[in-house]
Amino acid sequence: MKYLPGDLPPRSTVWRDLDQRRHDGTLDRIHDLLRTKVRTRE
């Protein structure tokens, strides 16, 4: 995350947002949804 594009917020903000989404289960739900879509497509 050291080399984020310039159009994103500061690294600390991005990290905090990612950490929050990891802890509240958002990333798991996204992962599960994408896995279901890929398997359905196959």
PDB file of N, CA and C in Angstrom:
ATOM      1  N   MET A   1       0.822  -1.196   0.000  1.00  0.00           N
ATOM      2  CA  MET A   1       0.000   0.000   0.000  1.00  0.00           C
ATOM      3  C   MET A   1       0.862   1.254   0.000  1.00  0.00           C
ATOM      4  N   LYS A   2       2.143   1.068  -0.068  1.00  0.00           N
ATOM      5  CA  LYS A   2       3.044   2.213  -0.053  1.00  0.00           C
ATOM      6  C   LYS A   2       2.924   3.027  -1.329  1.00  0.00           C
ATOM      7  N   TYR A   3       2.580   2.391  -2.434  1.00  0.00           N
ATOM      8  CA  TYR A   3       2.574   3.060  -3.728  1.00  0.00           C
ATOM      9  C   TYR A   3       1.159   3.222  -4.269  1.00  0.00           C
ATOM     10  N   LEU A   4       0.301   3.859  -3.507  1.00  0.00           N
ATOM     11  CA  LEU A   4      -1.068   4.081  -3.961  1.00  0.00           C
ATOM     12  C   LEU A   4      -1.100   5.170  -5.029  1.00  0.00           C
ATOM     13  N   PRO A   5      -2.030   5.064  -5.972  1.00  0.00           N
ATOM     14  CA  PRO A   5      -2.177   6.124  -6.972  1.00  0.00           C
ATOM     15  C   PRO A   5      -2.498   7.465  -6.301  1.00  0.00           C
ATOM     16  N   GLY A   6      -2.124   8.532  -6.924  1.00  0.00           N
ATOM     17  CA  GLY A   6      -2.309   9.857  -6.363  1.00  0.00           C
ATOM     18  C   GLY A   6      -3.747  10.304  -6.193  1.00  0.00           C
ATOM     19  N   ASP A   7      -4.686   9.653  -6.904  1.00  0.00           N
ATOM     20  CA  ASP A   7      -6.079  10.088  -6.800  1.00  0.00           C
ATOM     21  C   ASP A   7      -6.813   9.425  -5.634  1.00  0.00           C
ATOM     22  N   LEU A   8      -6.136   8.605  -4.838  1.00  0.00           N
ATOM     23  CA  LEU A   8      -6.736   7.999  -3.655  1.00  0.00           C
ATOM     24  C   LEU A   8      -6.428   8.848  -2.429  1.00  0.00           C
ATOM     25  N   PRO A   9      -7.225   8.650  -1.371  1.00  0.00           N
ATOM     26  CA  PRO A   9      -6.942   9.382  -0.131  1.00  0.00           C
ATOM     27  C   PRO A   9      -5.597   8.955   0.452  1.00  0.00           C
ATOM     28  N   PRO A  10      -5.153   9.601   1.516  1.00  0.00           N
ATOM     29  CA  PRO A  10      -3.887   9.222   2.144  1.00  0.00           C
ATOM     30  C   PRO A  10      -3.869   7.758   2.554  1.00  0.00           C
ATOM     31  N   ARG A  11      -2.681   7.196   2.588  1.00  0.00           N
ATOM     32  CA  ARG A  11      -2.506   5.778   2.899  1.00  0.00           C
ATOM     33  C   ARG A  11      -3.167   5.398   4.221  1.00  0.00           C
ATOM     34  N   SER A  12      -3.061   6.241   5.232  1.00  0.00           N
ATOM     35  CA  SER A  12      -3.654   5.928   6.536  1.00  0.00           C
ATOM     36  C   SER A  12      -5.173   5.806   6.439  1.00  0.00           C
ATOM     37  N   THR A  13      -5.794   6.642   5.615  1.00  0.00           N
ATOM     38  CA  THR A  13      -7.247   6.582   5.425  1.00  0.00           C
ATOM     39  C   THR A  13      -7.640   5.301   4.702  1.00  0.00           C
ATOM     40  N   VAL A  14      -6.910   4.957   3.663  1.00  0.00           N
ATOM     41  CA  VAL A  14      -7.198   3.731   2.908  1.00  0.00           C
ATOM     42  C   VAL A  14      -7.036   2.510   3.814  1.00  0.00           C
ATOM     43  N   TRP A  15      -5.963   2.491   4.591  1.00  0.00           N
ATOM     44  CA  TRP A  15      -5.708   1.362   5.484  1.00  0.00           C
ATOM     45  C   TRP A  15      -6.817   1.232   6.526  1.00  0.00           C
ATOM     46  N   ARG A  16      -7.230   2.361   7.124  1.00  0.00           N
ATOM     47  CA  ARG A  16      -8.289   2.339   8.139  1.00  0.00           C
ATOM     48  C   ARG A  16      -9.586   1.810   7.546  1.00  0.00           C
ATOM     49  N   ASP A  17      -9.916   2.249   6.331  1.00  0.00           N
ATOM     50  CA  ASP A  17     -11.136   1.801   5.666  1.00  0.00           C
ATOM     51  C   ASP A  17     -11.067   0.300   5.365  1.00  0.00           C
ATOM     52  N   LEU A  18      -9.932  -0.157   4.857  1.00  0.00           N
ATOM     53  CA  LEU A  18      -9.753  -1.582   4.569  1.00  0.00           C
ATOM     54  C   LEU A  18      -9.863  -2.406   5.846  1.00  0.00           C
ATOM     55  N   ASP A  19      -9.227  -1.945   6.906  1.00  0.00           N
ATOM     56  CA  ASP A  19      -9.258  -2.656   8.182  1.00  0.00           C
ATOM     57  C   ASP A  19     -10.682  -2.742   8.726  1.00  0.00           C
ATOM     58  N   GLN A  20     -11.434  -1.652   8.613  1.00  0.00           N
ATOM     59  CA  GLN A  20     -12.825  -1.645   9.078  1.00  0.00           C
ATOM     60  C   GLN A  20     -13.653  -2.662   8.286  1.00  0.00           C
ATOM     61  N   ARG A  21     -13.471  -2.676   6.982  1.00  0.00           N
ATOM     62  CA  ARG A  21     -14.246  -3.603   6.144  1.00  0.00           C
ATOM     63  C   ARG A  21     -13.855  -5.054   6.390  1.00  0.00           C
ATOM     64  N   ARG A  22     -12.608  -5.269   6.736  1.00  0.00           N
ATOM     65  CA  ARG A  22     -12.160  -6.615   7.075  1.00  0.00           C
ATOM     66  C   ARG A  22     -12.833  -7.088   8.363  1.00  0.00           C
ATOM     67  N   HIS A  23     -12.894  -6.211   9.342  1.00  0.00           N
ATOM     68  CA  HIS A  23     -13.447  -6.586  10.646  1.00  0.00           C
ATOM     69  C   HIS A  23     -14.969  -6.673  10.651  1.00  0.00           C
ATOM     70  N   ASP A  24     -15.654  -5.896   9.823  1.00  0.00           N
ATOM     71  CA  ASP A  24     -17.121  -5.956   9.841  1.00  0.00           C
ATOM     72  C   ASP A  24     -17.682  -7.015   8.885  1.00  0.00           C
ATOM     73  N   GLY A  25     -16.798  -7.743   8.200  1.00  0.00           N
ATOM     74  CA  GLY A  25     -17.236  -8.846   7.356  1.00  0.00           C
ATOM     75  C   GLY A  25     -17.528  -8.483   5.914  1.00  0.00           C
ATOM     76  N   THR A  26     -17.353  -7.222   5.552  1.00  0.00           N
ATOM     77  CA  THR A  26     -17.647  -6.789   4.186  1.00  0.00           C
ATOM     78  C   THR A  26     -16.787  -7.522   3.165  1.00  0.00           C
ATOM     79  N   LEU A  27     -15.489  -7.640   3.436  1.00  0.00           N
ATOM     80  CA  LEU A  27     -14.605  -8.307   2.474  1.00  0.00           C
ATOM     81  C   LEU A  27     -14.967  -9.784   2.315  1.00  0.00           C
ATOM     82  N   ASP A  28     -15.366 -10.433   3.398  1.00  0.00           N
ATOM     83  CA  ASP A  28     -15.796 -11.830   3.304  1.00  0.00           C
ATOM     84  C   ASP A  28     -17.053 -11.961   2.458  1.00  0.00           C
ATOM     85  N   ARG A  29     -17.999 -11.031   2.630  1.00  0.00           N
ATOM     86  CA  ARG A  29     -19.240 -11.093   1.839  1.00  0.00           C
ATOM     87  C   ARG A  29     -18.950 -10.869   0.353  1.00  0.00           C
ATOM     88  N   ILE A  30     -18.065  -9.929   0.045  1.00  0.00           N
ATOM     89  CA  ILE A  30     -17.691  -9.689  -1.354  1.00  0.00           C
ATOM     90  C   ILE A  30     -17.027 -10.935  -1.932  1.00  0.00           C
ATOM     91  N   HIS A  31     -16.108 -11.517  -1.189  1.00  0.00           N
ATOM     92  CA  HIS A  31     -15.407 -12.717  -1.642  1.00  0.00           C
ATOM     93  C   HIS A  31     -16.394 -13.853  -1.905  1.00  0.00           C
ATOM     94  N   ASP A  32     -17.322 -14.069  -0.975  1.00  0.00           N
ATOM     95  CA  ASP A  32     -18.310 -15.143  -1.140  1.00  0.00           C
ATOM     96  C   ASP A  32     -19.196 -14.906  -2.355  1.00  0.00           C
ATOM     97  N   LEU A  33     -19.622 -13.669  -2.553  1.00  0.00           N
ATOM     98  CA  LEU A  33     -20.467 -13.344  -3.703  1.00  0.00           C
ATOM     99  C   LEU A  33     -19.730 -13.580  -5.018  1.00  0.00           C
ATOM    100  N   LEU A  34     -18.487 -13.117  -5.097  1.00  0.00           N
ATOM    101  CA  LEU A  34     -17.708 -13.311  -6.323  1.00  0.00           C
ATOM    102  C   LEU A  34     -17.434 -14.791  -6.592  1.00  0.00           C
ATOM    103  N   ARG A  35     -17.121 -15.547  -5.534  1.00  0.00           N
ATOM    104  CA  ARG A  35     -16.880 -16.976  -5.709  1.00  0.00           C
ATOM    105  C   ARG A  35     -18.140 -17.666  -6.231  1.00  0.00           C
ATOM    106  N   THR A  36     -19.293 -17.307  -5.694  1.00  0.00           N
ATOM    107  CA  THR A  36     -20.555 -17.891  -6.159  1.00  0.00           C
ATOM    108  C   THR A  36     -20.797 -17.561  -7.634  1.00  0.00           C
ATOM    109  N   LYS A  37     -20.550 -16.312  -8.010  1.00  0.00           N
ATOM    110  CA  LYS A  37     -20.755 -15.924  -9.414  1.00  0.00           C
ATOM    111  C   LYS A  37     -19.811 -16.669 -10.353  1.00  0.00           C
ATOM    112  N   VAL A  38     -18.566 -16.829  -9.965  1.00  0.00           N
ATOM    113  CA  VAL A  38     -17.598 -17.545 -10.801  1.00  0.00           C
ATOM    114  C   VAL A  38     -17.992 -19.008 -10.944  1.00  0.00           C
ATOM    115  N   ARG A  39     -18.366 -19.627  -9.850  1.00  0.00           N
ATOM    116  CA  ARG A  39     -18.742 -21.043  -9.908  1.00  0.00           C
ATOM    117  C   ARG A  39     -20.019 -21.256 -10.687  1.00  0.00           C
ATOM    118  N   THR A  40     -20.938 -20.323 -10.585  1.00  0.00           N
ATOM    119  CA  THR A  40     -22.187 -20.425 -11.348  1.00  0.00           C
ATOM    120  C   THR A  40     -21.899 -20.306 -12.845  1.00  0.00           C
ATOM    121  N   ARG A  41     -20.983 -19.417 -13.187  1.00  0.00           N
ATOM    122  CA  ARG A  41     -20.632 -19.198 -14.587  1.00  0.00           C
ATOM    123  C   ARG A  41     -19.966 -20.440 -15.187  1.00  0.00           C
ATOM    124  N   GLU A  42     -19.126 -21.114 -14.381  1.00  0.00           N
ATOM    125  CA  GLU A  42     -18.432 -22.306 -14.870  1.00  0.00           C
ATOM    126  C   GLU A  42     -19.426 -23.428 -15.057  1.00  0.00           C
TER     127      GLU A  42
END
